[in-house]
Amino acid sequence: MPTIIYPPSIPWSWMFQRPQQLLGHFSASGQTVLYEDLGKFSQPNIKSLSPTLLLCQGVSAMSIPHPQPRILWLTVPSHINSIQNYDPDLVIYDAVDEPKEEFASWAPYYPEILKKANLIFCSSHSIYEYFSSRHPHVYLVPNGVDYVHFSPTPNKRPTDLPSDKPIIGYCGAIAPWVDWELLKVVIQENPGLNFVFIGALFQLNKFPLKYKNVFYLGLKPYYQLPAYLHHFEIGLIPFLQTEMTKGCNPIKLYEYYASGIRVLGTPLPELLTIPKINLESNPQLFSLRLRNLLEGKDSDKAERMAYVQANDWNERSGRMLQQIFSRLIEMKNGV
């Protein structure tokens, strides 16, 4: 079985995102995964999360004996210039964001990615369109969900959730690409609702909203998220519509659906084909749609949950492994 190495990019215990999900599933299917954790560690440490998943904390993955072939898994474009440190048999770039606006610093590395990556996965259609016209081995694999993690109803209600009004929730990065101006209008127009935000600050120094019916609960551990999401009446995806968010395939959509809740968002390209989603870009119409959803009956829960059950991370990782093994065979045969 191959070994997959992930250079220091995202702390393992930070918001549990696509890299942690996929690499965890690769490990569960028998691949050795060496995850070089990002952070400052007082002492070098190798933390075993499972027999095939090791966190390298202040330790180079290359110092750990591991099976061949060696695969380098990249999500940070600048790491393409460090591949010589790993002597990989296969270089994979997993493209998860457009190199625009907040991620504009990524763009200069794309020529080297096109030259040196042996296989490219893309999380959205716009990212796929860019790479597929420039590289011979590109595959579209959107985000997914750990359905078994999010779908069961939790036993306990988190004590820091407000309890006096219906909860409208957001779970994800507290970032500049959220449409904070839209949210200000919606929050002010709905004083009878509580708006709860969960997630880490990203490229922001402080939480941008101050209203009596707004609660910022900070970053929560991944294992606790279902207990919060199951108490949301509506899950929000209120993103600005920009060149960067054009390529955004929000993981929160899948996690909301798996939790059984309805979703209201702005009309991002990746959301337009999602069944039973609610989309509005105008703040007043967004606010009106929110109230209409709360007043109406939810008759689409089963369809939403069936949709994301078919788009589980197990399906995503299995599809990727097929392409990885095929590419390894091709490269061994000189293709």
C-alpha atoms as a PDB file:
ATOM      1  CA  MET A   1       0.000   0.000   0.000  1.00  0.00           C
ATOM      2  CA  PRO A   2       1.264   3.529  -0.726  1.00  0.00           C
ATOM      3  CA  THR A   3       2.226   6.162   1.820  1.00  0.00           C
ATOM      4  CA  ILE A   4       0.621   9.581   1.522  1.00  0.00           C
ATOM      5  CA  ILE A   5       2.498  12.533   3.030  1.00  0.00           C
ATOM      6  CA  TYR A   6       0.789  15.850   3.742  1.00  0.00           C
ATOM      7  CA  PRO A   7       3.204  18.765   4.374  1.00  0.00           C
ATOM      8  CA  PRO A   8       2.361  21.242   7.177  1.00  0.00           C
ATOM      9  CA  SER A   9      -0.691  23.137   5.906  1.00  0.00           C
ATOM     10  CA  ILE A  10      -3.618  22.946   8.356  1.00  0.00           C
ATOM     11  CA  PRO A  11      -3.475  22.021  12.059  1.00  0.00           C
ATOM     12  CA  TRP A  12      -5.139  18.633  12.420  1.00  0.00           C
ATOM     13  CA  SER A  13      -7.268  19.854  15.322  1.00  0.00           C
ATOM     14  CA  TRP A  14      -8.378  23.099  13.625  1.00  0.00           C
ATOM     15  CA  MET A  15     -11.590  23.235  11.578  1.00  0.00           C
ATOM     16  CA  PHE A  16     -11.969  19.690  10.245  1.00  0.00           C
ATOM     17  CA  GLN A  17     -11.952  20.227   6.501  1.00  0.00           C
ATOM     18  CA  ARG A  18     -11.373  18.437   3.215  1.00  0.00           C
ATOM     19  CA  PRO A  19      -7.710  17.479   3.834  1.00  0.00           C
ATOM     20  CA  GLN A  20      -8.357  15.902   7.238  1.00  0.00           C
ATOM     21  CA  GLN A  21     -11.478  14.133   5.961  1.00  0.00           C
ATOM     22  CA  LEU A  22      -9.896  12.682   2.845  1.00  0.00           C
ATOM     23  CA  LEU A  23      -6.604  11.694   4.446  1.00  0.00           C
ATOM     24  CA  GLY A  24      -8.466  10.091   7.323  1.00  0.00           C
ATOM     25  CA  HIS A  25     -10.524   8.035   4.872  1.00  0.00           C
ATOM     26  CA  PHE A  26      -7.425   7.087   2.868  1.00  0.00           C
ATOM     27  CA  SER A  27      -5.904   5.812   6.108  1.00  0.00           C
ATOM     28  CA  ALA A  28      -9.049   3.857   6.987  1.00  0.00           C
ATOM     29  CA  SER A  29      -8.840   2.097   3.617  1.00  0.00           C
ATOM     30  CA  GLY A  30      -5.305   0.892   4.345  1.00  0.00           C
ATOM     31  CA  GLN A  31      -2.983   3.595   3.033  1.00  0.00           C
ATOM     32  CA  THR A  32      -0.307   4.886   5.395  1.00  0.00           C
ATOM     33  CA  VAL A  33      -0.834   8.613   6.000  1.00  0.00           C
ATOM     34  CA  LEU A  34       1.859  10.819   7.513  1.00  0.00           C
ATOM     35  CA  TYR A  35       0.240  14.155   8.364  1.00  0.00           C
ATOM     36  CA  GLU A  36       2.814  16.828   9.156  1.00  0.00           C
ATOM     37  CA  ASP A  37       0.863  18.881  11.680  1.00  0.00           C
ATOM     38  CA  LEU A  38       1.067  22.673  11.565  1.00  0.00           C
ATOM     39  CA  GLY A  39       1.920  24.444  14.806  1.00  0.00           C
ATOM     40  CA  LYS A  40       4.552  25.078  17.441  1.00  0.00           C
ATOM     41  CA  PHE A  41       5.372  21.997  19.465  1.00  0.00           C
ATOM     42  CA  SER A  42       7.472  22.185  22.635  1.00  0.00           C
ATOM     43  CA  GLN A  43       8.792  18.699  21.953  1.00  0.00           C
ATOM     44  CA  PRO A  44       8.920  16.750  18.688  1.00  0.00           C
ATOM     45  CA  ASN A  45       6.254  14.097  18.761  1.00  0.00           C
ATOM     46  CA  ILE A  46       4.717  11.383  16.598  1.00  0.00           C
ATOM     47  CA  LYS A  47       1.080  10.931  17.542  1.00  0.00           C
ATOM     48  CA  SER A  48      -0.614   7.762  16.328  1.00  0.00           C
ATOM     49  CA  LEU A  49      -4.301   8.347  15.557  1.00  0.00           C
ATOM     50  CA  SER A  50      -4.563   4.843  14.111  1.00  0.00           C
ATOM     51  CA  PRO A  51      -2.098   2.178  12.933  1.00  0.00           C
ATOM     52  CA  THR A  52      -2.015   3.887   9.503  1.00  0.00           C
ATOM     53  CA  LEU A  53      -2.461   7.579  10.445  1.00  0.00           C
ATOM     54  CA  LEU A  54       0.400   9.382  12.163  1.00  0.00           C
ATOM     55  CA  LEU A  55       0.555  13.047  13.148  1.00  0.00           C
ATOM     56  CA  CYS A  56       4.096  14.322  12.748  1.00  0.00           C
ATOM     57  CA  GLN A  57       4.376  17.202  15.213  1.00  0.00           C
ATOM     58  CA  GLY A  58       7.714  18.914  14.760  1.00  0.00           C
ATOM     59  CA  VAL A  59       8.984  15.760  13.064  1.00  0.00           C
ATOM     60  CA  SER A  60       9.628  15.280   9.350  1.00  0.00           C
ATOM     61  CA  ALA A  61       7.569  12.530   7.760  1.00  0.00           C
ATOM     62  CA  MET A  62      10.721  11.517   5.912  1.00  0.00           C
ATOM     63  CA  SER A  63      12.317  10.474   9.205  1.00  0.00           C
ATOM     64  CA  ILE A  64       9.659   7.792   9.700  1.00  0.00           C
ATOM     65  CA  PRO A  65      10.102   4.443   7.887  1.00  0.00           C
ATOM     66  CA  HIS A  66       7.125   3.919   5.604  1.00  0.00           C
ATOM     67  CA  PRO A  67       5.945   1.782   2.666  1.00  0.00           C
ATOM     68  CA  GLN A  68       6.509   2.778  -0.947  1.00  0.00           C
ATOM     69  CA  PRO A  69       5.416   4.222  -3.309  1.00  0.00           C
ATOM     70  CA  ARG A  70       5.455   7.642  -1.689  1.00  0.00           C
ATOM     71  CA  ILE A  71       2.688  10.106  -2.606  1.00  0.00           C
ATOM     72  CA  LEU A  72       2.896  13.801  -1.808  1.00  0.00           C
ATOM     73  CA  TRP A  73      -0.540  15.379  -1.222  1.00  0.00           C
ATOM     74  CA  LEU A  74      -0.574  19.167  -1.631  1.00  0.00           C
ATOM     75  CA  THR A  75      -3.281  21.740  -0.956  1.00  0.00           C
ATOM     76  CA  VAL A  76      -1.045  24.788  -0.430  1.00  0.00           C
ATOM     77  CA  PRO A  77       0.316  25.866  -3.838  1.00  0.00           C
ATOM     78  CA  SER A  78       3.667  27.131  -2.526  1.00  0.00           C
ATOM     79  CA  HIS A  79       4.526  23.600  -1.409  1.00  0.00           C
ATOM     80  CA  ILE A  80       5.075  22.698  -5.047  1.00  0.00           C
ATOM     81  CA  ASN A  81       8.529  24.248  -4.611  1.00  0.00           C
ATOM     82  CA  SER A  82       9.364  21.861  -1.759  1.00  0.00           C
ATOM     83  CA  ILE A  83       8.681  18.545  -3.441  1.00  0.00           C
ATOM     84  CA  GLN A  84      12.392  17.745  -3.658  1.00  0.00           C
ATOM     85  CA  ASN A  85      12.379  17.416   0.155  1.00  0.00           C
ATOM     86  CA  TYR A  86      10.095  14.396  -0.132  1.00  0.00           C
ATOM     87  CA  ASP A  87      11.372  12.581  -3.241  1.00  0.00           C
ATOM     88  CA  PRO A  88       7.819  11.452  -4.129  1.00  0.00           C
ATOM     89  CA  ASP A  89       6.784   8.870  -6.687  1.00  0.00           C
ATOM     90  CA  LEU A  90       3.535  10.781  -7.291  1.00  0.00           C
ATOM     91  CA  VAL A  91       2.626  14.441  -6.680  1.00  0.00           C
ATOM     92  CA  ILE A  92      -1.056  15.286  -6.204  1.00  0.00           C
ATOM     93  CA  TYR A  93      -2.454  18.787  -6.029  1.00  0.00           C
ATOM     94  CA  ASP A  94      -5.938  19.001  -4.515  1.00  0.00           C
ATOM     95  CA  ALA A  95      -7.314  22.370  -5.660  1.00  0.00           C
ATOM     96  CA  VAL A  96      -9.903  23.643  -3.208  1.00  0.00           C
ATOM     97  CA  ASP A  97     -10.080  27.419  -3.787  1.00  0.00           C
ATOM     98  CA  GLU A  98      -9.783  29.926  -6.626  1.00  0.00           C
ATOM     99  CA  PRO A  99      -6.455  31.831  -6.557  1.00  0.00           C
ATOM    100  CA  LYS A 100      -8.331  35.142  -6.368  1.00  0.00           C
ATOM    101  CA  GLU A 101      -8.850  37.882  -3.781  1.00  0.00           C
ATOM    102  CA  GLU A 102      -8.163  36.310  -0.347  1.00  0.00           C
ATOM    103  CA  PHE A 103      -6.093  33.595  -2.062  1.00  0.00           C
ATOM    104  CA  ALA A 104      -4.509  35.741  -4.794  1.00  0.00           C
ATOM    105  CA  SER A 105      -1.032  34.900  -3.474  1.00  0.00           C
ATOM    106  CA  TRP A 106      -1.543  31.363  -4.785  1.00  0.00           C
ATOM    107  CA  ALA A 107      -1.620  32.338  -8.463  1.00  0.00           C
ATOM    108  CA  PRO A 108       2.152  32.641  -9.068  1.00  0.00           C
ATOM    109  CA  TYR A 109       2.639  28.986  -8.133  1.00  0.00           C
ATOM    110  CA  TYR A 110       0.171  27.609 -10.672  1.00  0.00           C
ATOM    111  CA  PRO A 111       2.662  27.300 -13.563  1.00  0.00           C
ATOM    112  CA  GLU A 112       4.840  25.041 -11.415  1.00  0.00           C
ATOM    113  CA  ILE A 113       1.822  23.038 -10.283  1.00  0.00           C
ATOM    114  CA  LEU A 114       0.858  22.421 -13.903  1.00  0.00           C
ATOM    115  CA  LYS A 115       4.414  21.337 -14.627  1.00  0.00           C
ATOM    116  CA  LYS A 116       5.162  19.170 -11.592  1.00  0.00           C
ATOM    117  CA  ALA A 117       1.859  17.715 -10.371  1.00  0.00           C
ATOM    118  CA  ASN A 118       1.121  14.239 -11.737  1.00  0.00           C
ATOM    119  CA  LEU A 119      -2.540  14.309 -10.766  1.00  0.00           C
ATOM    120  CA  ILE A 120      -4.921  17.165  -9.920  1.00  0.00           C
ATOM    121  CA  PHE A 121      -8.237  16.964  -8.100  1.00  0.00           C
ATOM    122  CA  CYS A 122     -10.662  19.904  -8.072  1.00  0.00           C
ATOM    123  CA  SER A 123     -13.446  20.644  -5.601  1.00  0.00           C
ATOM    124  CA  SER A 124     -15.569  22.828  -7.913  1.00  0.00           C
ATOM    125  CA  HIS A 125     -16.528  23.201 -11.565  1.00  0.00           C
ATOM    126  CA  SER A 126     -14.778  26.543 -12.089  1.00  0.00           C
ATOM    127  CA  ILE A 127     -11.497  25.212 -10.687  1.00  0.00           C
ATOM    128  CA  TYR A 128     -11.876  22.093 -12.822  1.00  0.00           C
ATOM    129  CA  GLU A 129     -12.447  24.172 -15.961  1.00  0.00           C
ATOM    130  CA  TYR A 130      -9.168  25.993 -15.379  1.00  0.00           C
ATOM    131  CA  PHE A 131      -6.999  22.937 -14.794  1.00  0.00           C
ATOM    132  CA  SER A 132      -8.647  20.499 -17.219  1.00  0.00           C
ATOM    133  CA  SER A 133      -7.760  22.689 -20.185  1.00  0.00           C
ATOM    134  CA  ARG A 134      -4.104  22.853 -19.088  1.00  0.00           C
ATOM    135  CA  HIS A 135      -3.264  19.438 -17.613  1.00  0.00           C
ATOM    136  CA  PRO A 136      -3.953  15.884 -18.861  1.00  0.00           C
ATOM    137  CA  HIS A 137      -4.859  14.295 -15.502  1.00  0.00           C
ATOM    138  CA  VAL A 138      -7.538  16.392 -13.793  1.00  0.00           C
ATOM    139  CA  TYR A 139     -10.647  15.129 -11.992  1.00  0.00           C
ATOM    140  CA  LEU A 140     -13.606  16.880 -10.418  1.00  0.00           C
ATOM    141  CA  VAL A 141     -14.313  15.649  -6.875  1.00  0.00           C
ATOM    142  CA  PRO A 142     -16.576  17.998  -4.886  1.00  0.00           C
ATOM    143  CA  ASN A 143     -16.640  18.138  -1.107  1.00  0.00           C
ATOM    144  CA  GLY A 144     -18.666  15.700   0.953  1.00  0.00           C
ATOM    145  CA  VAL A 145     -19.759  14.820   4.472  1.00  0.00           C
ATOM    146  CA  ASP A 146     -19.253  12.243   7.176  1.00  0.00           C
ATOM    147  CA  TYR A 147     -22.919  11.289   7.129  1.00  0.00           C
ATOM    148  CA  VAL A 148     -22.664   8.903  10.081  1.00  0.00           C
ATOM    149  CA  HIS A 149     -21.116  11.676  12.178  1.00  0.00           C
ATOM    150  CA  PHE A 150     -23.772  14.321  11.496  1.00  0.00           C
ATOM    151  CA  SER A 151     -27.058  12.486  10.936  1.00  0.00           C
ATOM    152  CA  PRO A 152     -27.834  10.903  14.355  1.00  0.00           C
ATOM    153  CA  THR A 153     -29.727  13.126  16.790  1.00  0.00           C
ATOM    154  CA  PRO A 154     -27.401  14.057  19.693  1.00  0.00           C
ATOM    155  CA  ASN A 155     -28.454  13.296  23.257  1.00  0.00           C
ATOM    156  CA  LYS A 156     -27.626  16.649  24.849  1.00  0.00           C
ATOM    157  CA  ARG A 157     -28.186  20.284  23.953  1.00  0.00           C
ATOM    158  CA  PRO A 158     -25.009  22.422  24.254  1.00  0.00           C
ATOM    159  CA  THR A 159     -25.272  24.705  27.268  1.00  0.00           C
ATOM    160  CA  ASP A 160     -23.969  27.794  25.423  1.00  0.00           C
ATOM    161  CA  LEU A 161     -26.781  27.762  22.857  1.00  0.00           C
ATOM    162  CA  PRO A 162     -29.426  30.452  23.467  1.00  0.00           C
ATOM    163  CA  SER A 163     -32.816  28.925  24.219  1.00  0.00           C
ATOM    164  CA  ASP A 164     -35.376  31.721  24.117  1.00  0.00           C
ATOM    165  CA  LYS A 165     -35.856  32.035  20.327  1.00  0.00           C
ATOM    166  CA  PRO A 166     -35.514  29.910  17.170  1.00  0.00           C
ATOM    167  CA  ILE A 167     -31.866  29.548  16.123  1.00  0.00           C
ATOM    168  CA  ILE A 168     -30.562  30.518  12.708  1.00  0.00           C
ATOM    169  CA  GLY A 169     -27.023  29.175  12.482  1.00  0.00           C
ATOM    170  CA  TYR A 170     -23.757  29.514  10.616  1.00  0.00           C
ATOM    171  CA  CYS A 171     -20.908  27.037  11.012  1.00  0.00           C
ATOM    172  CA  GLY A 172     -17.617  27.689   9.240  1.00  0.00           C
ATOM    173  CA  ALA A 173     -14.813  30.191   8.833  1.00  0.00           C
ATOM    174  CA  ILE A 174     -15.571  33.684  10.143  1.00  0.00           C
ATOM    175  CA  ALA A 175     -14.007  35.275   7.090  1.00  0.00           C
ATOM    176  CA  PRO A 176     -14.090  38.255   4.699  1.00  0.00           C
ATOM    177  CA  TRP A 177     -16.024  36.293   2.075  1.00  0.00           C
ATOM    178  CA  VAL A 178     -19.097  36.172   4.326  1.00  0.00           C
ATOM    179  CA  ASP A 179     -21.595  38.854   3.309  1.00  0.00           C
ATOM    180  CA  TRP A 180     -21.616  40.699   6.626  1.00  0.00           C
ATOM    181  CA  GLU A 181     -23.621  43.624   5.228  1.00  0.00           C
ATOM    182  CA  LEU A 182     -26.399  41.268   4.124  1.00  0.00           C
ATOM    183  CA  LEU A 183     -26.384  39.662   7.554  1.00  0.00           C
ATOM    184  CA  LYS A 184     -26.698  43.026   9.290  1.00  0.00           C
ATOM    185  CA  VAL A 185     -29.937  43.692   7.411  1.00  0.00           C
ATOM    186  CA  VAL A 186     -31.306  40.197   8.047  1.00  0.00           C
ATOM    187  CA  ILE A 187     -30.451  40.273  11.755  1.00  0.00           C
ATOM    188  CA  GLN A 188     -31.959  43.725  12.310  1.00  0.00           C
ATOM    189  CA  GLU A 189     -35.140  42.735  10.474  1.00  0.00           C
ATOM    190  CA  ASN A 190     -35.591  39.608  12.610  1.00  0.00           C
ATOM    191  CA  PRO A 191     -35.258  40.494  16.298  1.00  0.00           C
ATOM    192  CA  GLY A 192     -37.415  37.474  17.161  1.00  0.00           C
ATOM    193  CA  LEU A 193     -34.676  35.086  16.014  1.00  0.00           C
ATOM    194  CA  ASN A 194     -31.297  34.196  17.490  1.00  0.00           C
ATOM    195  CA  PHE A 195     -28.332  34.079  15.099  1.00  0.00           C
ATOM    196  CA  VAL A 196     -25.547  31.732  16.200  1.00  0.00           C
ATOM    197  CA  PHE A 197     -22.088  31.669  14.606  1.00  0.00           C
ATOM    198  CA  ILE A 198     -19.560  28.868  15.121  1.00  0.00           C
ATOM    199  CA  GLY A 199     -16.054  28.828  13.663  1.00  0.00           C
ATOM    200  CA  ALA A 200     -12.562  30.262  13.722  1.00  0.00           C
ATOM    201  CA  LEU A 201     -11.657  33.812  12.760  1.00  0.00           C
ATOM    202  CA  PHE A 202      -9.884  33.812   9.391  1.00  0.00           C
ATOM    203  CA  GLN A 203      -8.267  37.011   8.066  1.00  0.00           C
ATOM    204  CA  LEU A 204     -10.384  38.965  10.560  1.00  0.00           C
ATOM    205  CA  ASN A 205      -9.199  40.379  13.901  1.00  0.00           C
ATOM    206  CA  LYS A 206     -12.580  40.250  15.621  1.00  0.00           C
ATOM    207  CA  PHE A 207     -16.106  39.013  15.100  1.00  0.00           C
ATOM    208  CA  PRO A 208     -17.807  41.686  12.947  1.00  0.00           C
ATOM    209  CA  LEU A 209     -21.385  41.693  14.320  1.00  0.00           C
ATOM    210  CA  LYS A 210     -22.729  43.190  17.553  1.00  0.00           C
ATOM    211  CA  TYR A 211     -26.432  42.673  18.160  1.00  0.00           C
ATOM    212  CA  LYS A 212     -28.411  41.395  21.140  1.00  0.00           C
ATOM    213  CA  ASN A 213     -29.695  38.436  19.117  1.00  0.00           C
ATOM    214  CA  VAL A 214     -26.252  37.439  17.769  1.00  0.00           C
ATOM    215  CA  PHE A 215     -24.093  34.856  19.546  1.00  0.00           C
ATOM    216  CA  TYR A 216     -20.539  34.074  18.452  1.00  0.00           C
ATOM    217  CA  LEU A 217     -19.530  30.817  20.122  1.00  0.00           C
ATOM    218  CA  GLY A 218     -16.038  30.512  18.630  1.00  0.00           C
ATOM    219  CA  LEU A 219     -14.433  27.388  17.228  1.00  0.00           C
ATOM    220  CA  LYS A 220     -15.881  24.080  18.411  1.00  0.00           C
ATOM    221  CA  PRO A 221     -14.240  20.649  18.206  1.00  0.00           C
ATOM    222  CA  TYR A 222     -15.440  18.593  15.268  1.00  0.00           C
ATOM    223  CA  TYR A 223     -17.007  15.920  17.486  1.00  0.00           C
ATOM    224  CA  GLN A 224     -19.276  18.571  19.063  1.00  0.00           C
ATOM    225  CA  LEU A 225     -20.616  20.103  15.841  1.00  0.00           C
ATOM    226  CA  PRO A 226     -23.632  17.785  15.343  1.00  0.00           C
ATOM    227  CA  ALA A 227     -24.984  18.769  18.770  1.00  0.00           C
ATOM    228  CA  TYR A 228     -25.075  22.396  17.613  1.00  0.00           C
ATOM    229  CA  LEU A 229     -26.292  21.886  14.050  1.00  0.00           C
ATOM    230  CA  HIS A 230     -29.246  19.759  15.122  1.00  0.00           C
ATOM    231  CA  HIS A 231     -30.586  22.741  17.068  1.00  0.00           C
ATOM    232  CA  PHE A 232     -30.441  25.115  14.096  1.00  0.00           C
ATOM    233  CA  GLU A 233     -33.773  25.820  12.421  1.00  0.00           C
ATOM    234  CA  ILE A 234     -31.977  27.065   9.313  1.00  0.00           C
ATOM    235  CA  GLY A 235     -28.320  26.770   8.283  1.00  0.00           C
ATOM    236  CA  LEU A 236     -26.828  29.807   6.544  1.00  0.00           C
ATOM    237  CA  ILE A 237     -24.354  30.067   3.641  1.00  0.00           C
ATOM    238  CA  PRO A 238     -24.342  33.880   3.228  1.00  0.00           C
ATOM    239  CA  PHE A 239     -21.278  34.300   1.012  1.00  0.00           C
ATOM    240  CA  LEU A 240     -20.373  37.277  -1.129  1.00  0.00           C
ATOM    241  CA  GLN A 241     -20.500  36.483  -4.833  1.00  0.00           C
ATOM    242  CA  THR A 242     -16.932  37.064  -5.977  1.00  0.00           C
ATOM    243  CA  GLU A 243     -14.315  35.521  -8.240  1.00  0.00           C
ATOM    244  CA  MET A 244     -13.015  33.579  -5.254  1.00  0.00           C
ATOM    245  CA  THR A 245     -16.369  32.233  -4.038  1.00  0.00           C
ATOM    246  CA  LYS A 246     -17.228  31.251  -7.619  1.00  0.00           C
ATOM    247  CA  GLY A 247     -15.056  28.214  -6.958  1.00  0.00           C
ATOM    248  CA  CYS A 248     -16.386  27.515  -3.464  1.00  0.00           C
ATOM    249  CA  ASN A 249     -18.104  24.180  -2.861  1.00  0.00           C
ATOM    250  CA  PRO A 250     -19.151  24.692   0.779  1.00  0.00           C
ATOM    251  CA  ILE A 251     -18.632  21.730   3.091  1.00  0.00           C
ATOM    252  CA  LYS A 252     -21.174  23.303   5.440  1.00  0.00           C
ATOM    253  CA  LEU A 253     -23.921  22.628   2.860  1.00  0.00           C
ATOM    254  CA  TYR A 254     -23.353  18.880   3.191  1.00  0.00           C
ATOM    255  CA  GLU A 255     -23.052  19.026   6.982  1.00  0.00           C
ATOM    256  CA  TYR A 256     -26.254  21.057   7.324  1.00  0.00           C
ATOM    257  CA  TYR A 257     -28.147  18.629   5.084  1.00  0.00           C
ATOM    258  CA  ALA A 258     -26.802  15.585   6.933  1.00  0.00           C
ATOM    259  CA  SER A 259     -28.032  17.170  10.174  1.00  0.00           C
ATOM    260  CA  GLY A 260     -31.490  17.410   8.637  1.00  0.00           C
ATOM    261  CA  ILE A 261     -31.773  21.193   8.584  1.00  0.00           C
ATOM    262  CA  ARG A 262     -32.870  23.480   5.771  1.00  0.00           C
ATOM    263  CA  VAL A 263     -30.369  25.789   4.123  1.00  0.00           C
ATOM    264  CA  LEU A 264     -30.575  29.407   3.017  1.00  0.00           C
ATOM    265  CA  GLY A 265     -27.669  30.865   1.106  1.00  0.00           C
ATOM    266  CA  THR A 266     -26.612  33.253  -1.594  1.00  0.00           C
ATOM    267  CA  PRO A 267     -26.631  31.953  -5.205  1.00  0.00           C
ATOM    268  CA  LEU A 268     -23.056  30.696  -5.549  1.00  0.00           C
ATOM    269  CA  PRO A 269     -22.482  28.740  -8.787  1.00  0.00           C
ATOM    270  CA  GLU A 270     -21.787  25.531  -6.849  1.00  0.00           C
ATOM    271  CA  LEU A 271     -25.120  25.808  -5.009  1.00  0.00           C
ATOM    272  CA  LEU A 272     -27.355  26.339  -8.037  1.00  0.00           C
ATOM    273  CA  THR A 273     -27.792  22.627  -8.731  1.00  0.00           C
ATOM    274  CA  ILE A 274     -28.234  21.498  -5.118  1.00  0.00           C
ATOM    275  CA  PRO A 275     -31.719  20.017  -4.597  1.00  0.00           C
ATOM    276  CA  LYS A 276     -34.100  21.722  -2.155  1.00  0.00           C
ATOM    277  CA  ILE A 277     -31.766  24.598  -1.321  1.00  0.00           C
ATOM    278  CA  ASN A 278     -33.004  28.190  -0.867  1.00  0.00           C
ATOM    279  CA  LEU A 279     -31.009  30.989  -2.477  1.00  0.00           C
ATOM    280  CA  GLU A 280     -31.336  34.782  -2.391  1.00  0.00           C
ATOM    281  CA  SER A 281     -28.844  37.598  -3.007  1.00  0.00           C
ATOM    282  CA  ASN A 282     -30.919  40.631  -2.038  1.00  0.00           C
ATOM    283  CA  PRO A 283     -30.832  41.249   1.756  1.00  0.00           C
ATOM    284  CA  GLN A 284     -34.543  42.033   2.042  1.00  0.00           C
ATOM    285  CA  LEU A 285     -35.516  38.986  -0.036  1.00  0.00           C
ATOM    286  CA  PHE A 286     -33.086  36.866   1.972  1.00  0.00           C
ATOM    287  CA  SER A 287     -34.785  38.031   5.154  1.00  0.00           C
ATOM    288  CA  LEU A 288     -38.244  37.385   3.707  1.00  0.00           C
ATOM    289  CA  ARG A 289     -37.283  33.893   2.540  1.00  0.00           C
ATOM    290  CA  LEU A 290     -35.967  33.166   6.022  1.00  0.00           C
ATOM    291  CA  ARG A 291     -39.289  34.047   7.625  1.00  0.00           C
ATOM    292  CA  ASN A 292     -41.239  32.100   5.007  1.00  0.00           C
ATOM    293  CA  LEU A 293     -39.144  29.007   5.670  1.00  0.00           C
ATOM    294  CA  LEU A 294     -39.773  29.228   9.391  1.00  0.00           C
ATOM    295  CA  GLU A 295     -43.509  29.630   8.861  1.00  0.00           C
ATOM    296  CA  GLY A 296     -43.763  26.787   6.352  1.00  0.00           C
ATOM    297  CA  LYS A 297     -43.636  23.030   6.789  1.00  0.00           C
ATOM    298  CA  ASP A 298     -40.388  21.178   6.110  1.00  0.00           C
ATOM    299  CA  SER A 299     -41.400  18.384   3.722  1.00  0.00           C
ATOM    300  CA  ASP A 300     -37.991  17.890   2.067  1.00  0.00           C
ATOM    301  CA  LYS A 301     -35.842  16.598   4.927  1.00  0.00           C
ATOM    302  CA  ALA A 302     -35.679  13.017   3.659  1.00  0.00           C
ATOM    303  CA  GLU A 303     -34.666  14.139   0.171  1.00  0.00           C
ATOM    304  CA  ARG A 304     -31.943  16.419   1.496  1.00  0.00           C
ATOM    305  CA  MET A 305     -30.488  13.710   3.696  1.00  0.00           C
ATOM    306  CA  ALA A 306     -30.591  11.144   0.898  1.00  0.00           C
ATOM    307  CA  TYR A 307     -28.714  13.558  -1.344  1.00  0.00           C
ATOM    308  CA  VAL A 308     -25.788  13.986   1.039  1.00  0.00           C
ATOM    309  CA  GLN A 309     -25.753  10.324   2.026  1.00  0.00           C
ATOM    310  CA  ALA A 310     -24.902   9.636  -1.620  1.00  0.00           C
ATOM    311  CA  ASN A 311     -22.158  12.277  -1.406  1.00  0.00           C
ATOM    312  CA  ASP A 312     -20.339  10.957   1.646  1.00  0.00           C
ATOM    313  CA  TRP A 313     -16.560  11.285   2.055  1.00  0.00           C
ATOM    314  CA  ASN A 314     -16.393   7.512   1.616  1.00  0.00           C
ATOM    315  CA  GLU A 315     -17.637   7.929  -1.945  1.00  0.00           C
ATOM    316  CA  ARG A 316     -15.249  10.824  -2.590  1.00  0.00           C
ATOM    317  CA  SER A 317     -12.162   9.113  -1.192  1.00  0.00           C
ATOM    318  CA  GLY A 318     -12.930   5.847  -2.981  1.00  0.00           C
ATOM    319  CA  ARG A 319     -13.231   7.628  -6.303  1.00  0.00           C
ATOM    320  CA  MET A 320      -9.942   9.439  -5.692  1.00  0.00           C
ATOM    321  CA  LEU A 321      -8.097   6.253  -4.768  1.00  0.00           C
ATOM    322  CA  GLN A 322      -9.158   4.678  -8.051  1.00  0.00           C
ATOM    323  CA  GLN A 323      -7.567   7.559  -9.951  1.00  0.00           C
ATOM    324  CA  ILE A 324      -4.464   7.480  -7.747  1.00  0.00           C
ATOM    325  CA  PHE A 325      -3.843   3.776  -8.310  1.00  0.00           C
ATOM    326  CA  SER A 326      -4.471   4.137 -12.043  1.00  0.00           C
ATOM    327  CA  ARG A 327      -2.010   7.019 -12.263  1.00  0.00           C
ATOM    328  CA  LEU A 328       0.637   5.099 -10.332  1.00  0.00           C
ATOM    329  CA  ILE A 329       0.324   2.209 -12.788  1.00  0.00           C
ATOM    330  CA  GLU A 330       0.542   4.584 -15.757  1.00  0.00           C
ATOM    331  CA  MET A 331       3.667   6.250 -14.388  1.00  0.00           C
ATOM    332  CA  LYS A 332       5.253   2.871 -13.669  1.00  0.00           C
ATOM    333  CA  ASN A 333       4.635   1.998 -17.311  1.00  0.00           C
ATOM    334  CA  GLY A 334       6.085   5.304 -18.453  1.00  0.00           C
ATOM    335  CA  VAL A 335       2.802   6.965 -19.451  1.00  0.00           C
END
